Amino acid sequence: MHRHVPAGLPAQRPLVVLLQGCGDTASNCASAWSEWTSLADQHQLALFLPEQQPENNVGGVSCFNWLETVNQTRNQGENLSIVQMVEKMKVDAQIDPSRPRASSSSASPRARPPPST
């Protein structure tokens, strides 16, 4: 996990969650996406980059497993893990709980809540 909280960030500011692409790391994304940190500083936004561990995948590639059923179910799997990290960021950086946003450099935007049953 990598996070960036601008110095002196006022309470109740938005949080942007940046999801890595396959084979990448949160730290590399944070470095490569230096424009994000500049924008975060300029617009007073907190950034959070969860990181998938290679040992969680066959072949040791650090990809999120969005296509696995457990990860398409609310409050389970990787979704739950990311939600828990976002909740921690909300407390640690006093983030506005109604304003988290997400972006990705991969197919991660395919992750969505399952249809209601």
PDB file of N, CA and C in Angstrom:
ATOM      1  N   MET A   1       0.847  -1.171   0.000  1.00  0.00           N
ATOM      2  CA  MET A   1       0.000   0.000   0.000  1.00  0.00           C
ATOM      3  C   MET A   1       0.894   1.237   0.000  1.00  0.00           C
ATOM      4  N   HIS A   2       0.482   2.202  -0.772  1.00  0.00           N
ATOM      5  CA  HIS A   2       1.188   3.479  -0.814  1.00  0.00           C
ATOM      6  C   HIS A   2       0.134   4.562  -0.628  1.00  0.00           C
ATOM      7  N   ARG A   3       0.496   5.608   0.076  1.00  0.00           N
ATOM      8  CA  ARG A   3      -0.441   6.708   0.252  1.00  0.00           C
ATOM      9  C   ARG A   3       0.295   8.031   0.156  1.00  0.00           C
ATOM     10  N   HIS A   4      -0.439   9.042  -0.238  1.00  0.00           N
ATOM     11  CA  HIS A   4       0.108  10.397  -0.298  1.00  0.00           C
ATOM     12  C   HIS A   4      -0.943  11.332   0.293  1.00  0.00           C
ATOM     13  N   VAL A   5      -0.561  11.993   1.359  1.00  0.00           N
ATOM     14  CA  VAL A   5      -1.431  12.980   1.995  1.00  0.00           C
ATOM     15  C   VAL A   5      -0.659  14.296   1.998  1.00  0.00           C
ATOM     16  N   PRO A   6      -1.140  15.293   1.247  1.00  0.00           N
ATOM     17  CA  PRO A   6      -0.424  16.566   1.201  1.00  0.00           C
ATOM     18  C   PRO A   6      -0.253  17.165   2.603  1.00  0.00           C
ATOM     19  N   ALA A   7       0.868  17.808   2.815  1.00  0.00           N
ATOM     20  CA  ALA A   7       1.126  18.473   4.096  1.00  0.00           C
ATOM     21  C   ALA A   7       0.015  19.481   4.369  1.00  0.00           C
ATOM     22  N   GLY A   8      -0.498  19.463   5.582  1.00  0.00           N
ATOM     23  CA  GLY A   8      -1.528  20.415   5.974  1.00  0.00           C
ATOM     24  C   GLY A   8      -2.882  20.170   5.340  1.00  0.00           C
ATOM     25  N   LEU A   9      -3.130  18.934   4.863  1.00  0.00           N
ATOM     26  CA  LEU A   9      -4.416  18.624   4.235  1.00  0.00           C
ATOM     27  C   LEU A   9      -5.557  18.927   5.204  1.00  0.00           C
ATOM     28  N   PRO A  10      -6.490  19.818   4.821  1.00  0.00           N
ATOM     29  CA  PRO A  10      -7.622  20.093   5.699  1.00  0.00           C
ATOM     30  C   PRO A  10      -8.533  18.871   5.810  1.00  0.00           C
ATOM     31  N   ALA A  11      -9.285  18.794   6.877  1.00  0.00           N
ATOM     32  CA  ALA A  11     -10.254  17.705   7.056  1.00  0.00           C
ATOM     33  C   ALA A  11     -11.341  17.801   5.988  1.00  0.00           C
ATOM     34  N   GLN A  12     -11.970  16.665   5.731  1.00  0.00           N
ATOM     35  CA  GLN A  12     -13.116  16.556   4.827  1.00  0.00           C
ATOM     36  C   GLN A  12     -12.776  16.811   3.359  1.00  0.00           C
ATOM     37  N   ARG A  13     -11.553  16.464   2.972  1.00  0.00           N
ATOM     38  CA  ARG A  13     -11.162  16.564   1.567  1.00  0.00           C
ATOM     39  C   ARG A  13     -11.366  15.209   0.902  1.00  0.00           C
ATOM     40  N   PRO A  14     -11.436  15.156  -0.442  1.00  0.00           N
ATOM     41  CA  PRO A  14     -11.658  13.892  -1.142  1.00  0.00           C
ATOM     42  C   PRO A  14     -10.452  12.950  -1.083  1.00  0.00           C
ATOM     43  N   LEU A  15     -10.739  11.679  -1.299  1.00  0.00           N
ATOM     44  CA  LEU A  15      -9.733  10.623  -1.412  1.00  0.00           C
ATOM     45  C   LEU A  15      -9.821  10.045  -2.815  1.00  0.00           C
ATOM     46  N   VAL A  16      -8.663   9.879  -3.471  1.00  0.00           N
ATOM     47  CA  VAL A  16      -8.602   9.223  -4.774  1.00  0.00           C
ATOM     48  C   VAL A  16      -7.858   7.907  -4.590  1.00  0.00           C
ATOM     49  N   VAL A  17      -8.503   6.807  -5.000  1.00  0.00           N
ATOM     50  CA  VAL A  17      -7.908   5.475  -4.934  1.00  0.00           C
ATOM     51  C   VAL A  17      -7.388   5.154  -6.330  1.00  0.00           C
ATOM     52  N   LEU A  18      -6.093   4.872  -6.438  1.00  0.00           N
ATOM     53  CA  LEU A  18      -5.456   4.554  -7.719  1.00  0.00           C
ATOM     54  C   LEU A  18      -5.105   3.075  -7.725  1.00  0.00           C
ATOM     55  N   LEU A  19      -5.692   2.318  -8.638  1.00  0.00           N
ATOM     56  CA  LEU A  19      -5.447   0.876  -8.718  1.00  0.00           C
ATOM     57  C   LEU A  19      -4.371   0.592  -9.754  1.00  0.00           C
ATOM     58  N   GLN A  20      -3.372  -0.182  -9.349  1.00  0.00           N
ATOM     59  CA  GLN A  20      -2.252  -0.521 -10.218  1.00  0.00           C
ATOM     60  C   GLN A  20      -2.685  -1.429 -11.354  1.00  0.00           C
ATOM     61  N   GLY A  21      -1.908  -1.417 -12.426  1.00  0.00           N
ATOM     62  CA  GLY A  21      -2.104  -2.360 -13.508  1.00  0.00           C
ATOM     63  C   GLY A  21      -1.365  -3.658 -13.212  1.00  0.00           C
ATOM     64  N   CYS A  22      -1.655  -4.695 -13.976  1.00  0.00           N
ATOM     65  CA  CYS A  22      -1.004  -5.990 -13.778  1.00  0.00           C
ATOM     66  C   CYS A  22       0.505  -5.866 -13.899  1.00  0.00           C
ATOM     67  N   GLY A  23       1.201  -6.515 -12.976  1.00  0.00           N
ATOM     68  CA  GLY A  23       2.650  -6.538 -12.996  1.00  0.00           C
ATOM     69  C   GLY A  23       3.300  -5.287 -12.428  1.00  0.00           C
ATOM     70  N   ASP A  24       2.502  -4.358 -11.964  1.00  0.00           N
ATOM     71  CA  ASP A  24       3.049  -3.120 -11.422  1.00  0.00           C
ATOM     72  C   ASP A  24       2.979  -3.144  -9.898  1.00  0.00           C
ATOM     73  N   THR A  25       3.528  -2.136  -9.259  1.00  0.00           N
ATOM     74  CA  THR A  25       3.463  -2.008  -7.807  1.00  0.00           C
ATOM     75  C   THR A  25       2.900  -0.634  -7.466  1.00  0.00           C
ATOM     76  N   ALA A  26       2.383  -0.503  -6.267  1.00  0.00           N
ATOM     77  CA  ALA A  26       1.845   0.785  -5.823  1.00  0.00           C
ATOM     78  C   ALA A  26       2.930   1.843  -5.814  1.00  0.00           C
ATOM     79  N   SER A  27       4.120   1.487  -5.325  1.00  0.00           N
ATOM     80  CA  SER A  27       5.221   2.465  -5.269  1.00  0.00           C
ATOM     81  C   SER A  27       5.625   2.932  -6.660  1.00  0.00           C
ATOM     82  N   ASN A  28       5.687   1.996  -7.608  1.00  0.00           N
ATOM     83  CA  ASN A  28       6.039   2.364  -8.975  1.00  0.00           C
ATOM     84  C   ASN A  28       4.973   3.273  -9.572  1.00  0.00           C
ATOM     85  N   CYS A  29       3.712   2.961  -9.328  1.00  0.00           N
ATOM     86  CA  CYS A  29       2.629   3.810  -9.829  1.00  0.00           C
ATOM     87  C   CYS A  29       2.733   5.201  -9.229  1.00  0.00           C
ATOM     88  N   ALA A  30       3.018   5.270  -7.945  1.00  0.00           N
ATOM     89  CA  ALA A  30       3.131   6.568  -7.285  1.00  0.00           C
ATOM     90  C   ALA A  30       4.254   7.384  -7.902  1.00  0.00           C
ATOM     91  N   SER A  31       5.365   6.725  -8.224  1.00  0.00           N
ATOM     92  CA  SER A  31       6.488   7.426  -8.850  1.00  0.00           C
ATOM     93  C   SER A  31       6.167   7.792 -10.300  1.00  0.00           C
ATOM     94  N   ALA A  32       5.643   6.808 -11.023  1.00  0.00           N
ATOM     95  CA  ALA A  32       5.342   7.023 -12.437  1.00  0.00           C
ATOM     96  C   ALA A  32       4.204   8.021 -12.613  1.00  0.00           C
ATOM     97  N   TRP A  33       3.313   8.031 -11.665  1.00  0.00           N
ATOM     98  CA  TRP A  33       2.168   8.928 -11.754  1.00  0.00           C
ATOM     99  C   TRP A  33       2.432  10.186 -10.942  1.00  0.00           C
ATOM    100  N   SER A  34       3.638  10.729 -11.069  1.00  0.00           N
ATOM    101  CA  SER A  34       3.985  11.906 -10.272  1.00  0.00           C
ATOM    102  C   SER A  34       3.022  13.055 -10.519  1.00  0.00           C
ATOM    103  N   GLU A  35       2.391  13.054 -11.675  1.00  0.00           N
ATOM    104  CA  GLU A  35       1.379  14.083 -11.918  1.00  0.00           C
ATOM    105  C   GLU A  35       0.243  13.969 -10.910  1.00  0.00           C
ATOM    106  N   TRP A  36      -0.067  12.735 -10.496  1.00  0.00           N
ATOM    107  CA  TRP A  36      -1.116  12.546  -9.489  1.00  0.00           C
ATOM    108  C   TRP A  36      -0.733  13.211  -8.178  1.00  0.00           C
ATOM    109  N   THR A  37       0.505  13.023  -7.761  1.00  0.00           N
ATOM    110  CA  THR A  37       0.905  13.631  -6.489  1.00  0.00           C
ATOM    111  C   THR A  37       0.937  15.151  -6.605  1.00  0.00           C
ATOM    112  N   SER A  38       1.344  15.660  -7.749  1.00  0.00           N
ATOM    113  CA  SER A  38       1.311  17.110  -7.961  1.00  0.00           C
ATOM    114  C   SER A  38      -0.124  17.629  -7.924  1.00  0.00           C
ATOM    115  N   LEU A  39      -1.028  16.910  -8.592  1.00  0.00           N
ATOM    116  CA  LEU A  39      -2.439  17.301  -8.576  1.00  0.00           C
ATOM    117  C   LEU A  39      -3.027  17.207  -7.171  1.00  0.00           C
ATOM    118  N   ALA A  40      -2.638  16.173  -6.452  1.00  0.00           N
ATOM    119  CA  ALA A  40      -3.126  16.009  -5.078  1.00  0.00           C
ATOM    120  C   ALA A  40      -2.670  17.176  -4.209  1.00  0.00           C
ATOM    121  N   ASP A  41      -1.422  17.572  -4.365  1.00  0.00           N
ATOM    122  CA  ASP A  41      -0.918  18.712  -3.604  1.00  0.00           C
ATOM    123  C   ASP A  41      -1.647  19.993  -4.002  1.00  0.00           C
ATOM    124  N   GLN A  42      -1.810  20.183  -5.299  1.00  0.00           N
ATOM    125  CA  GLN A  42      -2.435  21.400  -5.814  1.00  0.00           C
ATOM    126  C   GLN A  42      -3.903  21.509  -5.403  1.00  0.00           C
ATOM    127  N   HIS A  43      -4.640  20.383  -5.474  1.00  0.00           N
ATOM    128  CA  HIS A  43      -6.087  20.408  -5.218  1.00  0.00           C
ATOM    129  C   HIS A  43      -6.471  19.896  -3.836  1.00  0.00           C
ATOM    130  N   GLN A  44      -5.455  19.631  -3.015  1.00  0.00           N
ATOM    131  CA  GLN A  44      -5.690  19.160  -1.646  1.00  0.00           C
ATOM    132  C   GLN A  44      -6.540  17.888  -1.616  1.00  0.00           C
ATOM    133  N   LEU A  45      -6.012  16.840  -2.241  1.00  0.00           N
ATOM    134  CA  LEU A  45      -6.629  15.516  -2.288  1.00  0.00           C
ATOM    135  C   LEU A  45      -5.680  14.513  -1.655  1.00  0.00           C
ATOM    136  N   ALA A  46      -6.213  13.523  -0.993  1.00  0.00           N
ATOM    137  CA  ALA A  46      -5.398  12.410  -0.502  1.00  0.00           C
ATOM    138  C   ALA A  46      -5.396  11.324  -1.570  1.00  0.00           C
ATOM    139  N   LEU A  47      -4.279  10.625  -1.715  1.00  0.00           N
ATOM    140  CA  LEU A  47      -4.159   9.504  -2.654  1.00  0.00           C
ATOM    141  C   LEU A  47      -3.903   8.223  -1.881  1.00  0.00           C
ATOM    142  N   PHE A  48      -4.484   7.140  -2.366  1.00  0.00           N
ATOM    143  CA  PHE A  48      -4.280   5.831  -1.770  1.00  0.00           C
ATOM    144  C   PHE A  48      -4.107   4.834  -2.904  1.00  0.00           C
ATOM    145  N   LEU A  49      -3.017   4.052  -2.845  1.00  0.00           N
ATOM    146  CA  LEU A  49      -2.744   3.052  -3.873  1.00  0.00           C
ATOM    147  C   LEU A  49      -2.634   1.674  -3.220  1.00  0.00           C
ATOM    148  N   PRO A  50      -3.719   0.891  -3.246  1.00  0.00           N
ATOM    149  CA  PRO A  50      -3.609  -0.471  -2.725  1.00  0.00           C
ATOM    150  C   PRO A  50      -2.690  -1.272  -3.640  1.00  0.00           C
ATOM    151  N   GLU A  51      -2.118  -2.333  -3.115  1.00  0.00           N
ATOM    152  CA  GLU A  51      -1.170  -3.106  -3.914  1.00  0.00           C
ATOM    153  C   GLU A  51      -1.477  -4.591  -3.804  1.00  0.00           C
ATOM    154  N   GLN A  52      -1.581  -5.233  -4.951  1.00  0.00           N
ATOM    155  CA  GLN A  52      -1.752  -6.684  -4.986  1.00  0.00           C
ATOM    156  C   GLN A  52      -0.374  -7.328  -4.859  1.00  0.00           C
ATOM    157  N   GLN A  53      -0.304  -8.379  -4.092  1.00  0.00           N
ATOM    158  CA  GLN A  53       0.955  -9.096  -3.904  1.00  0.00           C
ATOM    159  C   GLN A  53       1.083 -10.217  -4.942  1.00  0.00           C
ATOM    160  N   PRO A  54       2.256 -10.384  -5.557  1.00  0.00           N
ATOM    161  CA  PRO A  54       2.439 -11.415  -6.586  1.00  0.00           C
ATOM    162  C   PRO A  54       2.090 -12.826  -6.103  1.00  0.00           C
ATOM    163  N   GLU A  55       2.336 -13.116  -4.824  1.00  0.00           N
ATOM    164  CA  GLU A  55       2.050 -14.467  -4.330  1.00  0.00           C
ATOM    165  C   GLU A  55       0.555 -14.789  -4.295  1.00  0.00           C
ATOM    166  N   ASN A  56      -0.309 -13.802  -4.534  1.00  0.00           N
ATOM    167  CA  ASN A  56      -1.756 -14.042  -4.567  1.00  0.00           C
ATOM    168  C   ASN A  56      -2.239 -14.505  -5.935  1.00  0.00           C
ATOM    169  N   ASN A  57      -1.329 -14.660  -6.891  1.00  0.00           N
ATOM    170  CA  ASN A  57      -1.699 -15.032  -8.247  1.00  0.00           C
ATOM    171  C   ASN A  57      -0.844 -16.168  -8.768  1.00  0.00           C
ATOM    172  N   VAL A  58      -1.445 -16.995  -9.605  1.00  0.00           N
ATOM    173  CA  VAL A  58      -0.696 -18.039 -10.299  1.00  0.00           C
ATOM    174  C   VAL A  58       0.328 -17.349 -11.195  1.00  0.00           C
ATOM    175  N   GLY A  59       1.546 -17.790 -11.152  1.00  0.00           N
ATOM    176  CA  GLY A  59       2.594 -17.205 -11.981  1.00  0.00           C
ATOM    177  C   GLY A  59       3.270 -16.002 -11.348  1.00  0.00           C
ATOM    178  N   GLY A  60       2.818 -15.604 -10.165  1.00  0.00           N
ATOM    179  CA  GLY A  60       3.476 -14.527  -9.445  1.00  0.00           C
ATOM    180  C   GLY A  60       3.336 -13.145 -10.054  1.00  0.00           C
ATOM    181  N   VAL A  61       2.248 -12.893 -10.783  1.00  0.00           N
ATOM    182  CA  VAL A  61       2.006 -11.577 -11.364  1.00  0.00           C
ATOM    183  C   VAL A  61       1.137 -10.772 -10.408  1.00  0.00           C
ATOM    184  N   SER A  62       1.474  -9.522 -10.198  1.00  0.00           N
ATOM    185  CA  SER A  62       0.726  -8.711  -9.234  1.00  0.00           C
ATOM    186  C   SER A  62      -0.488  -8.046  -9.885  1.00  0.00           C
ATOM    187  N   CYS A  63      -1.511  -8.864 -10.145  1.00  0.00           N
ATOM    188  CA  CYS A  63      -2.768  -8.371 -10.717  1.00  0.00           C
ATOM    189  C   CYS A  63      -3.877  -8.526  -9.690  1.00  0.00           C
ATOM    190  N   PHE A  64      -4.807  -7.592  -9.681  1.00  0.00           N
ATOM    191  CA  PHE A  64      -6.002  -7.798  -8.871  1.00  0.00           C
ATOM    192  C   PHE A  64      -6.840  -8.875  -9.550  1.00  0.00           C
ATOM    193  N   ASN A  65      -7.538  -9.643  -8.765  1.00  0.00           N
ATOM    194  CA  ASN A  65      -8.289 -10.801  -9.261  1.00  0.00           C
ATOM    195  C   ASN A  65      -9.775 -10.483  -9.389  1.00  0.00           C
ATOM    196  N   TRP A  66     -10.114  -9.451 -10.156  1.00  0.00           N
ATOM    197  CA  TRP A  66     -11.494  -8.990 -10.232  1.00  0.00           C
ATOM    198  C   TRP A  66     -12.435 -10.027 -10.817  1.00  0.00           C
ATOM    199  N   LEU A  67     -11.940 -10.937 -11.634  1.00  0.00           N
ATOM    200  CA  LEU A  67     -12.831 -11.883 -12.300  1.00  0.00           C
ATOM    201  C   LEU A  67     -13.185 -13.088 -11.439  1.00  0.00           C
ATOM    202  N   GLU A  68     -12.530 -13.239 -10.282  1.00  0.00           N
ATOM    203  CA  GLU A  68     -12.895 -14.331  -9.378  1.00  0.00           C
ATOM    204  C   GLU A  68     -14.180 -13.957  -8.655  1.00  0.00           C
ATOM    205  N   THR A  69     -15.089 -14.910  -8.551  1.00  0.00           N
ATOM    206  CA  THR A  69     -16.412 -14.668  -7.969  1.00  0.00           C
ATOM    207  C   THR A  69     -16.337 -14.019  -6.599  1.00  0.00           C
ATOM    208  N   VAL A  70     -15.441 -14.488  -5.745  1.00  0.00           N
ATOM    209  CA  VAL A  70     -15.342 -13.930  -4.394  1.00  0.00           C
ATOM    210  C   VAL A  70     -15.014 -12.432  -4.442  1.00  0.00           C
ATOM    211  N   ASN A  71     -14.326 -11.993  -5.482  1.00  0.00           N
ATOM    212  CA  ASN A  71     -13.953 -10.594  -5.605  1.00  0.00           C
ATOM    213  C   ASN A  71     -14.998  -9.761  -6.339  1.00  0.00           C
ATOM    214  N   GLN A  72     -16.127 -10.378  -6.657  1.00  0.00           N
ATOM    215  CA  GLN A  72     -17.242  -9.657  -7.263  1.00  0.00           C
ATOM    216  C   GLN A  72     -18.413  -9.558  -6.290  1.00  0.00           C
ATOM    217  N   THR A  73     -18.153  -9.928  -5.057  1.00  0.00           N
ATOM    218  CA  THR A  73     -19.192  -9.939  -4.035  1.00  0.00           C
ATOM    219  C   THR A  73     -18.877  -8.878  -2.995  1.00  0.00           C
ATOM    220  N   ARG A  74     -19.859  -8.056  -2.691  1.00  0.00           N
ATOM    221  CA  ARG A  74     -19.684  -6.987  -1.715  1.00  0.00           C
ATOM    222  C   ARG A  74     -19.206  -7.561  -0.385  1.00  0.00           C
ATOM    223  N   ASN A  75     -18.249  -6.875   0.230  1.00  0.00           N
ATOM    224  CA  ASN A  75     -17.703  -7.236   1.544  1.00  0.00           C
ATOM    225  C   ASN A  75     -17.011  -8.589   1.580  1.00  0.00           C
ATOM    226  N   GLN A  76     -16.381  -8.961   0.466  1.00  0.00           N
ATOM    227  CA  GLN A  76     -15.599 -10.192   0.422  1.00  0.00           C
ATOM    228  C   GLN A  76     -14.326  -9.953  -0.385  1.00  0.00           C
ATOM    229  N   GLY A  77     -13.353 -10.820  -0.165  1.00  0.00           N
ATOM    230  CA  GLY A  77     -12.140 -10.854  -0.976  1.00  0.00           C
ATOM    231  C   GLY A  77     -11.392  -9.539  -1.065  1.00  0.00           C
ATOM    232  N   GLU A  78     -10.863  -9.278  -2.249  1.00  0.00           N
ATOM    233  CA  GLU A  78     -10.063  -8.079  -2.467  1.00  0.00           C
ATOM    234  C   GLU A  78     -10.885  -6.806  -2.269  1.00  0.00           C
ATOM    235  N   ASN A  79     -12.166  -6.858  -2.618  1.00  0.00           N
ATOM    236  CA  ASN A  79     -13.028  -5.687  -2.409  1.00  0.00           C
ATOM    237  C   ASN A  79     -13.043  -5.290  -0.944  1.00  0.00           C
ATOM    238  N   LEU A  80     -13.232  -6.265  -0.074  1.00  0.00           N
ATOM    239  CA  LEU A  80     -13.268  -5.997   1.364  1.00  0.00           C
ATOM    240  C   LEU A  80     -11.935  -5.422   1.834  1.00  0.00           C
ATOM    241  N   SER A  81     -10.842  -5.980   1.358  1.00  0.00           N
ATOM    242  CA  SER A  81      -9.523  -5.500   1.748  1.00  0.00           C
ATOM    243  C   SER A  81      -9.337  -4.031   1.361  1.00  0.00           C
ATOM    244  N   ILE A  82      -9.718  -3.676   0.145  1.00  0.00           N
ATOM    245  CA  ILE A  82      -9.568  -2.294  -0.306  1.00  0.00           C
ATOM    246  C   ILE A  82     -10.499  -1.377   0.482  1.00  0.00           C
ATOM    247  N   VAL A  83     -11.724  -1.812   0.732  1.00  0.00           N
ATOM    248  CA  VAL A  83     -12.657  -1.011   1.533  1.00  0.00           C
ATOM    249  C   VAL A  83     -12.087  -0.768   2.925  1.00  0.00           C
ATOM    250  N   GLN A  84     -11.501  -1.776   3.530  1.00  0.00           N
ATOM    251  CA  GLN A  84     -10.919  -1.614   4.867  1.00  0.00           C
ATOM    252  C   GLN A  84      -9.773  -0.601   4.849  1.00  0.00           C
ATOM    253  N   MET A  85      -8.952  -0.631   3.792  1.00  0.00           N
ATOM    254  CA  MET A  85      -7.853   0.329   3.689  1.00  0.00           C
ATOM    255  C   MET A  85      -8.388   1.744   3.459  1.00  0.00           C
ATOM    256  N   VAL A  86      -9.452   1.869   2.669  1.00  0.00           N
ATOM    257  CA  VAL A  86     -10.078   3.174   2.452  1.00  0.00           C
ATOM    258  C   VAL A  86     -10.643   3.700   3.769  1.00  0.00           C
ATOM    259  N   GLU A  87     -11.283   2.830   4.538  1.00  0.00           N
ATOM    260  CA  GLU A  87     -11.825   3.239   5.840  1.00  0.00           C
ATOM    261  C   GLU A  87     -10.704   3.753   6.747  1.00  0.00           C
ATOM    262  N   LYS A  88      -9.564   3.095   6.717  1.00  0.00           N
ATOM    263  CA  LYS A  88      -8.423   3.552   7.525  1.00  0.00           C
ATOM    264  C   LYS A  88      -7.941   4.913   7.051  1.00  0.00           C
ATOM    265  N   MET A  89      -7.876   5.111   5.742  1.00  0.00           N
ATOM    266  CA  MET A  89      -7.470   6.409   5.204  1.00  0.00           C
ATOM    267  C   MET A  89      -8.455   7.497   5.613  1.00  0.00           C
ATOM    268  N   LYS A  90      -9.746   7.176   5.629  1.00  0.00           N
ATOM    269  CA  LYS A  90     -10.753   8.165   6.027  1.00  0.00           C
ATOM    270  C   LYS A  90     -10.476   8.667   7.444  1.00  0.00           C
ATOM    271  N   VAL A  91     -10.094   7.751   8.319  1.00  0.00           N
ATOM    272  CA  VAL A  91      -9.809   8.122   9.711  1.00  0.00           C
ATOM    273  C   VAL A  91      -8.462   8.835   9.812  1.00  0.00           C
ATOM    274  N   ASP A  92      -7.426   8.231   9.245  1.00  0.00           N
ATOM    275  CA  ASP A  92      -6.065   8.779   9.373  1.00  0.00           C
ATOM    276  C   ASP A  92      -5.933  10.177   8.774  1.00  0.00           C
ATOM    277  N   ALA A  93      -6.563  10.405   7.624  1.00  0.00           N
ATOM    278  CA  ALA A  93      -6.422  11.688   6.937  1.00  0.00           C
ATOM    279  C   ALA A  93      -7.687  12.548   7.048  1.00  0.00           C
ATOM    280  N   GLN A  94      -8.645  12.118   7.839  1.00  0.00           N
ATOM    281  CA  GLN A  94      -9.905  12.841   8.031  1.00  0.00           C
ATOM    282  C   GLN A  94     -10.580  13.166   6.699  1.00  0.00           C
ATOM    283  N   ILE A  95     -10.684  12.139   5.858  1.00  0.00           N
ATOM    284  CA  ILE A  95     -11.258  12.268   4.520  1.00  0.00           C
ATOM    285  C   ILE A  95     -12.776  12.404   4.603  1.00  0.00           C
ATOM    286  N   ASP A  96     -13.349  13.136   3.672  1.00  0.00           N
ATOM    287  CA  ASP A  96     -14.801  13.228   3.556  1.00  0.00           C
ATOM    288  C   ASP A  96     -15.320  11.852   3.154  1.00  0.00           C
ATOM    289  N   PRO A  97     -16.116  11.195   4.002  1.00  0.00           N
ATOM    290  CA  PRO A  97     -16.556   9.826   3.701  1.00  0.00           C
ATOM    291  C   PRO A  97     -17.459   9.722   2.482  1.00  0.00           C
ATOM    292  N   SER A  98     -18.004  10.824   2.008  1.00  0.00           N
ATOM    293  CA  SER A  98     -18.886  10.770   0.845  1.00  0.00           C
ATOM    294  C   SER A  98     -18.149  11.038  -0.464  1.00  0.00           C
ATOM    295  N   ARG A  99     -16.812  11.222  -0.402  1.00  0.00           N
ATOM    296  CA  ARG A  99     -16.102  11.648  -1.605  1.00  0.00           C
ATOM    297  C   ARG A  99     -14.938  10.771  -2.048  1.00  0.00           C
ATOM    298  N   PRO A 100     -14.920   9.457  -1.783  1.00  0.00           N
ATOM    299  CA  PRO A 100     -13.833   8.665  -2.369  1.00  0.00           C
ATOM    300  C   PRO A 100     -14.069   8.472  -3.868  1.00  0.00           C
ATOM    301  N   ARG A 101     -13.002   8.472  -4.634  1.00  0.00           N
ATOM    302  CA  ARG A 101     -13.060   8.270  -6.086  1.00  0.00           C
ATOM    303  C   ARG A 101     -12.001   7.243  -6.451  1.00  0.00           C
ATOM    304  N   ALA A 102     -12.143   6.594  -7.617  1.00  0.00           N
ATOM    305  CA  ALA A 102     -11.176   5.577  -8.026  1.00  0.00           C
ATOM    306  C   ALA A 102     -10.752   5.803  -9.474  1.00  0.00           C
ATOM    307  N   SER A 103      -9.507   5.396  -9.753  1.00  0.00           N
ATOM    308  CA  SER A 103      -8.962   5.434 -11.099  1.00  0.00           C
ATOM    309  C   SER A 103      -8.035   4.232 -11.255  1.00  0.00           C
ATOM    310  N   SER A 104      -7.762   3.852 -12.489  1.00  0.00           N
ATOM    311  CA  SER A 104      -6.928   2.677 -12.719  1.00  0.00           C
ATOM    312  C   SER A 104      -6.144   2.809 -14.007  1.00  0.00           C
ATOM    313  N   SER A 105      -5.012   2.103 -14.035  1.00  0.00           N
ATOM    314  CA  SER A 105      -4.211   2.051 -15.255  1.00  0.00           C
ATOM    315  C   SER A 105      -4.407   0.718 -15.973  1.00  0.00           C
ATOM    316  N   SER A 106      -5.427  -0.036 -15.588  1.00  0.00           N
ATOM    317  CA  SER A 106      -5.608  -1.388 -16.106  1.00  0.00           C
ATOM    318  C   SER A 106      -7.085  -1.660 -16.341  1.00  0.00           C
ATOM    319  N   ALA A 107      -7.428  -2.949 -16.340  1.00  0.00           N
ATOM    320  CA  ALA A 107      -8.816  -3.366 -16.514  1.00  0.00           C
ATOM    321  C   ALA A 107      -9.594  -3.279 -15.210  1.00  0.00           C
ATOM    322  N   SER A 108      -8.984  -2.778 -14.161  1.00  0.00           N
ATOM    323  CA  SER A 108      -9.626  -2.735 -12.859  1.00  0.00           C
ATOM    324  C   SER A 108     -10.972  -2.026 -12.836  1.00  0.00           C
ATOM    325  N   PRO A 109     -11.230  -1.027 -13.697  1.00  0.00           N
ATOM    326  CA  PRO A 109     -12.554  -0.409 -13.650  1.00  0.00           C
ATOM    327  C   PRO A 109     -13.679  -1.390 -13.951  1.00  0.00           C
ATOM    328  N   ARG A 110     -13.353  -2.576 -14.428  1.00  0.00           N
ATOM    329  CA  ARG A 110     -14.382  -3.584 -14.656  1.00  0.00           C
ATOM    330  C   ARG A 110     -14.986  -4.047 -13.341  1.00  0.00           C
ATOM    331  N   ALA A 111     -14.292  -3.818 -12.255  1.00  0.00           N
ATOM    332  CA  ALA A 111     -14.815  -4.218 -10.949  1.00  0.00           C
ATOM    333  C   ALA A 111     -16.039  -3.376 -10.647  1.00  0.00           C
ATOM    334  N   ARG A 112     -17.126  -4.036 -10.372  1.00  0.00           N
ATOM    335  CA  ARG A 112     -18.366  -3.326 -10.077  1.00  0.00           C
ATOM    336  C   ARG A 112     -19.192  -4.182  -9.130  1.00  0.00           C
ATOM    337  N   PRO A 113     -20.141  -3.586  -8.450  1.00  0.00           N
ATOM    338  CA  PRO A 113     -20.972  -4.393  -7.566  1.00  0.00           C
ATOM    339  C   PRO A 113     -21.792  -5.375  -8.389  1.00  0.00           C
ATOM    340  N   PRO A 114     -22.078  -6.540  -7.839  1.00  0.00           N
ATOM    341  CA  PRO A 114     -22.898  -7.495  -8.567  1.00  0.00           C
ATOM    342  C   PRO A 114     -24.339  -6.991  -8.651  1.00  0.00           C
ATOM    343  N   PRO A 115     -25.128  -7.522  -9.602  1.00  0.00           N
ATOM    344  CA  PRO A 115     -26.523  -7.104  -9.677  1.00  0.00           C
ATOM    345  C   PRO A 115     -27.260  -7.478  -8.383  1.00  0.00           C
ATOM    346  N   SER A 116     -28.269  -6.709  -8.043  1.00  0.00           N
ATOM    347  CA  SER A 116     -29.055  -7.017  -6.842  1.00  0.00           C
ATOM    348  C   SER A 116     -29.778  -8.337  -7.037  1.00  0.00           C
ATOM    349  N   THR A 117     -29.919  -9.033  -5.924  1.00  0.00           N
ATOM    350  CA  THR A 117     -30.661 -10.297  -6.016  1.00  0.00           C
ATOM    351  C   THR A 117     -31.908 -10.223  -5.179  1.00  0.00           C
TER     352      THR A 117
END
